[in-house]
Amino acid sequence: MPPAGTVRLEGPQGTMTDLSYPSYWRSEQRTQPALRAGDLVLDEARWTVHRAGRQVDLSPTEFRLLAYLMRNQGQVLTRAQLLENVWGWNRSGQSQIVETYVSYLRRKLDAFGPRLIHTRRGVGYLLRPADGSVTGPYRDESLRLS
């Protein structure tokens, strides 16, 4: 069993790796209010996600990825930023895992409404509600959806 604040991942050929969560994740997840983006609500204290009033079941990794995207909604995040801040990896050679988990999130979230996670080709991803509203410190009007 890995120590508290770490996650054990199974790699290729069954190898196990212990990765620690970024320190901000351990300290902030208990004190943050629910994050909102349009009809999407993520409650870190209760470890729940709701879209259009319906509960969405996510894996721990999907939950952490969505929380990071929601904390930085309206801001384009590179694959390297996501790898470092969600997985705790500081290397960019594993971007396929980011694409995989973004597709998992899209499949689960888009079933209840318009697309929230958008791709900026060659750059990364951003979370932006269909209504264009962004709650939080980042507002980039150049990213407004048509």
Protein backbone atom coordinates (compact mmCIF):
# COMPACT_ATOMS: atom_id res chain seq x y z
CA MET A 1 0.00 0.00 0.00
CA PRO A 2 1.48 3.37 -0.99
CA PRO A 3 1.85 6.10 1.65
CA ALA A 4 -0.87 8.74 2.06
CA GLY A 5 -0.78 11.35 -0.68
CA THR A 6 0.47 8.90 -3.30
CA VAL A 7 -1.12 6.76 -5.93
CA ARG A 8 0.17 3.47 -7.28
CA LEU A 9 0.03 3.16 -11.07
CA GLU A 10 0.49 0.02 -13.09
CA GLY A 11 2.75 0.60 -16.06
CA PRO A 12 3.70 -1.49 -19.06
CA GLN A 13 4.43 -5.16 -18.37
CA GLY A 14 2.79 -4.87 -14.92
CA THR A 15 5.46 -2.63 -13.35
CA MET A 16 4.17 -0.59 -10.41
CA THR A 17 5.10 3.05 -9.78
CA ASP A 18 4.22 5.17 -6.74
CA LEU A 19 3.56 8.82 -7.59
CA SER A 20 2.76 11.48 -5.04
CA TYR A 21 -0.06 13.94 -5.61
CA PRO A 22 1.09 17.52 -6.05
CA SER A 23 1.24 19.19 -2.63
CA TYR A 24 -1.44 21.76 -3.50
CA TRP A 25 -3.88 18.90 -4.14
CA ARG A 26 -3.52 17.44 -0.66
CA SER A 27 -3.95 20.73 1.18
CA GLU A 28 -6.56 22.51 -0.98
CA GLN A 29 -8.97 19.72 -1.77
CA ARG A 30 -10.53 19.81 1.71
CA THR A 31 -11.09 23.57 1.85
CA GLN A 32 -12.25 24.52 -1.65
CA PRO A 33 -15.90 25.27 -2.35
CA ALA A 34 -17.57 23.45 -5.22
CA LEU A 35 -16.15 24.36 -8.62
CA ARG A 36 -18.65 25.39 -11.31
CA ALA A 37 -18.56 25.70 -15.08
CA GLY A 38 -21.97 26.22 -16.65
CA ASP A 39 -24.09 23.23 -15.59
CA LEU A 40 -21.05 21.29 -14.35
CA VAL A 41 -20.41 21.16 -10.58
CA LEU A 42 -17.42 19.46 -8.98
CA ASP A 43 -17.40 19.16 -5.17
CA GLU A 44 -13.93 18.22 -3.96
CA ALA A 45 -14.98 17.77 -0.35
CA ARG A 46 -17.60 15.17 -1.28
CA TRP A 47 -15.66 13.84 -4.32
CA THR A 48 -18.74 14.26 -6.55
CA VAL A 49 -19.42 15.63 -10.02
CA HIS A 50 -22.82 16.65 -11.42
CA ARG A 51 -23.65 17.72 -14.96
CA ALA A 52 -27.11 19.08 -15.73
CA GLY A 53 -28.22 17.92 -12.27
CA ARG A 54 -27.12 14.31 -12.84
CA GLN A 55 -24.29 12.63 -11.00
CA VAL A 56 -21.32 11.65 -13.18
CA ASP A 57 -19.13 8.78 -11.99
CA LEU A 58 -15.42 9.44 -12.54
CA SER A 59 -12.25 7.53 -11.73
CA PRO A 60 -9.82 9.27 -9.34
CA THR A 61 -7.60 10.32 -12.26
CA GLU A 62 -10.55 11.66 -14.25
CA PHE A 63 -11.69 13.57 -11.17
CA ARG A 64 -8.24 15.16 -10.63
CA LEU A 65 -7.98 16.08 -14.32
CA LEU A 66 -11.42 17.67 -14.34
CA ALA A 67 -10.71 19.57 -11.10
CA TYR A 68 -7.50 20.99 -12.56
CA LEU A 69 -9.25 22.00 -15.78
CA MET A 70 -12.06 23.63 -13.78
CA ARG A 71 -9.63 25.54 -11.53
CA ASN A 72 -8.06 26.92 -14.69
CA GLN A 73 -11.17 27.23 -16.85
CA GLY A 74 -10.86 29.55 -19.81
CA GLN A 75 -7.09 29.05 -19.85
CA VAL A 76 -5.36 26.81 -22.39
CA LEU A 77 -3.35 24.16 -20.53
CA THR A 78 -0.53 22.31 -22.25
CA ARG A 79 -0.15 18.55 -22.06
CA ALA A 80 3.05 19.11 -20.06
CA GLN A 81 1.15 21.26 -17.52
CA LEU A 82 -1.52 18.58 -17.18
CA LEU A 83 1.06 15.80 -16.77
CA GLU A 84 2.86 17.74 -14.06
CA ASN A 85 -0.16 18.99 -12.15
CA VAL A 86 -2.53 16.02 -12.43
CA TRP A 87 -0.15 13.06 -12.62
CA GLY A 88 2.86 14.63 -10.86
CA TRP A 89 5.13 13.85 -13.81
CA ASN A 90 7.62 16.43 -14.99
CA ARG A 91 8.33 14.88 -18.38
CA SER A 92 6.43 15.47 -21.58
CA GLY A 93 6.98 12.13 -23.30
CA GLN A 94 3.69 10.65 -22.03
CA SER A 95 1.18 13.02 -23.67
CA GLN A 96 -0.87 10.07 -24.97
CA ILE A 97 -2.14 9.46 -21.42
CA VAL A 98 -3.50 13.02 -21.33
CA GLU A 99 -5.34 12.52 -24.62
CA THR A 100 -6.75 9.23 -23.36
CA TYR A 101 -8.13 10.70 -20.14
CA VAL A 102 -9.51 13.78 -21.90
CA SER A 103 -11.42 11.43 -24.21
CA TYR A 104 -12.76 9.52 -21.17
CA LEU A 105 -13.95 12.80 -19.62
CA ARG A 106 -15.53 13.99 -22.84
CA ARG A 107 -17.42 10.74 -23.27
CA LYS A 108 -18.85 10.99 -19.74
CA LEU A 109 -19.55 14.74 -19.63
CA ASP A 110 -20.77 15.33 -23.18
CA ALA A 111 -23.53 12.77 -22.72
CA PHE A 112 -25.39 15.40 -20.62
CA GLY A 113 -24.87 18.56 -22.66
CA PRO A 114 -22.68 20.53 -25.03
CA ARG A 115 -18.92 19.96 -25.14
CA LEU A 116 -16.99 21.59 -22.30
CA ILE A 117 -13.41 20.47 -22.95
CA HIS A 118 -11.97 22.01 -26.09
CA THR A 119 -8.73 21.24 -27.93
CA ARG A 120 -6.34 23.95 -29.07
CA ARG A 121 -4.48 22.05 -31.77
CA GLY A 122 -0.76 21.82 -31.11
CA VAL A 123 -1.12 23.53 -27.72
CA GLY A 124 -3.41 21.72 -25.28
CA TYR A 125 -6.89 21.80 -23.77
CA LEU A 126 -9.23 24.21 -22.06
CA LEU A 127 -12.50 23.88 -20.23
CA ARG A 128 -15.07 26.40 -21.33
CA PRO A 129 -18.83 26.22 -20.74
CA ALA A 130 -21.05 26.44 -23.82
CA ASP A 131 -22.63 29.64 -22.48
CA GLY A 132 -19.19 31.29 -22.45
CA SER A 133 -19.32 31.96 -18.71
CA VAL A 134 -16.09 31.52 -16.83
CA THR A 135 -16.04 31.54 -13.06
CA GLY A 136 -12.66 32.13 -11.55
CA PRO A 137 -9.68 34.41 -12.00
CA TYR A 138 -9.02 33.65 -15.69
CA ARG A 139 -11.04 35.29 -18.43
CA ASP A 140 -9.63 35.35 -21.93
CA GLU A 141 -12.09 36.99 -24.28
CA SER A 142 -10.13 35.75 -27.29
CA LEU A 143 -11.25 32.22 -26.38
CA ARG A 144 -14.99 33.03 -26.49
CA LEU A 145 -16.88 30.31 -28.29
CA SER A 146 -18.92 31.16 -31.36
